[in-house]
Amino acid sequence: MSCNSKLVEISTIVPLYNESASIPRLFARLIPVLEQLGISYEVICVNDGSQDQTIEKLRELNRQNPR
């Protein structure tokens, strides 16, 4: 960890399996709640071998919010 990096105060782990349809809604609700906490956070997504477009949706969201 570098001296300039901020300590993560809360980690949210999200398991995903064929959730491409629900990912946008999940993050539209989750991120504002985490932001309101006023502390540093991370969201860790675990793709459990989805056969749909889950990974593509996650990549798209990461491009939009690369934190």
Protein backbone atom coordinates (compact mmCIF):
# COMPACT_ATOMS: atom_id res chain seq x y z
CA MET A 1 0.00 0.00 0.00
CA SER A 2 1.43 3.35 -0.95
CA CYS A 3 1.45 6.32 1.39
CA ASN A 4 -1.06 8.13 -0.84
CA SER A 5 -3.63 5.36 -0.94
CA LYS A 6 -6.70 5.62 1.21
CA LEU A 7 -7.55 2.84 3.63
CA VAL A 8 -10.73 1.02 2.63
CA GLU A 9 -13.13 1.19 5.54
CA ILE A 10 -15.87 -1.07 4.20
CA SER A 11 -15.87 -3.86 1.65
CA THR A 12 -19.04 -5.11 0.04
CA ILE A 13 -18.82 -8.53 -1.61
CA VAL A 14 -21.41 -9.29 -4.26
CA PRO A 15 -21.67 -12.86 -5.61
CA LEU A 16 -23.11 -12.93 -9.12
CA TYR A 17 -24.46 -15.80 -11.20
CA ASN A 18 -26.42 -14.96 -14.34
CA GLU A 19 -27.37 -11.54 -12.97
CA SER A 20 -26.88 -9.36 -16.06
CA ALA A 21 -30.45 -8.05 -15.90
CA SER A 22 -30.23 -7.01 -12.25
CA ILE A 23 -26.69 -5.56 -12.10
CA PRO A 24 -27.61 -2.01 -13.23
CA ARG A 25 -30.41 -1.79 -10.62
CA LEU A 26 -28.18 -3.23 -7.90
CA PHE A 27 -25.43 -0.69 -8.45
CA ALA A 28 -27.88 2.18 -8.94
CA ARG A 29 -29.06 1.49 -5.40
CA LEU A 30 -25.84 0.28 -3.77
CA ILE A 31 -23.42 3.06 -4.75
CA PRO A 32 -25.55 5.96 -3.43
CA VAL A 33 -25.94 4.15 -0.08
CA LEU A 34 -22.19 3.61 0.18
CA GLU A 35 -21.52 7.23 -0.82
CA GLN A 36 -23.87 8.48 1.91
CA LEU A 37 -21.79 6.70 4.54
CA GLY A 38 -19.01 9.20 3.96
CA ILE A 39 -16.26 6.58 4.34
CA SER A 40 -14.01 4.85 1.84
CA TYR A 41 -15.40 1.68 0.33
CA GLU A 42 -14.86 -0.98 -2.26
CA VAL A 43 -17.25 -3.30 -4.05
CA ILE A 44 -15.88 -6.74 -4.85
CA CYS A 45 -17.90 -8.66 -7.44
CA VAL A 46 -17.46 -12.41 -7.73
CA ASN A 47 -18.72 -13.81 -11.02
CA ASP A 48 -19.53 -17.45 -10.27
CA GLY A 49 -19.31 -18.71 -13.86
CA SER A 50 -22.28 -16.86 -15.32
CA GLN A 51 -23.43 -17.95 -18.76
CA ASP A 52 -25.16 -14.66 -19.57
CA GLN A 53 -23.77 -11.15 -20.03
CA THR A 54 -22.88 -10.62 -16.35
CA ILE A 55 -19.16 -10.05 -16.93
CA GLU A 56 -19.83 -7.60 -19.77
CA LYS A 57 -22.23 -5.61 -17.57
CA LEU A 58 -19.61 -5.49 -14.81
CA ARG A 59 -16.97 -4.25 -17.24
CA GLU A 60 -19.35 -1.58 -18.51
CA LEU A 61 -20.07 -0.39 -14.97
CA ASN A 62 -16.35 -0.36 -14.20
CA ARG A 63 -15.71 1.88 -17.23
CA GLN A 64 -18.40 4.26 -15.96
CA ASN A 65 -17.08 4.27 -12.37
CA PRO A 66 -13.44 3.08 -12.33
CA ARG A 67 -12.89 3.56 -8.58
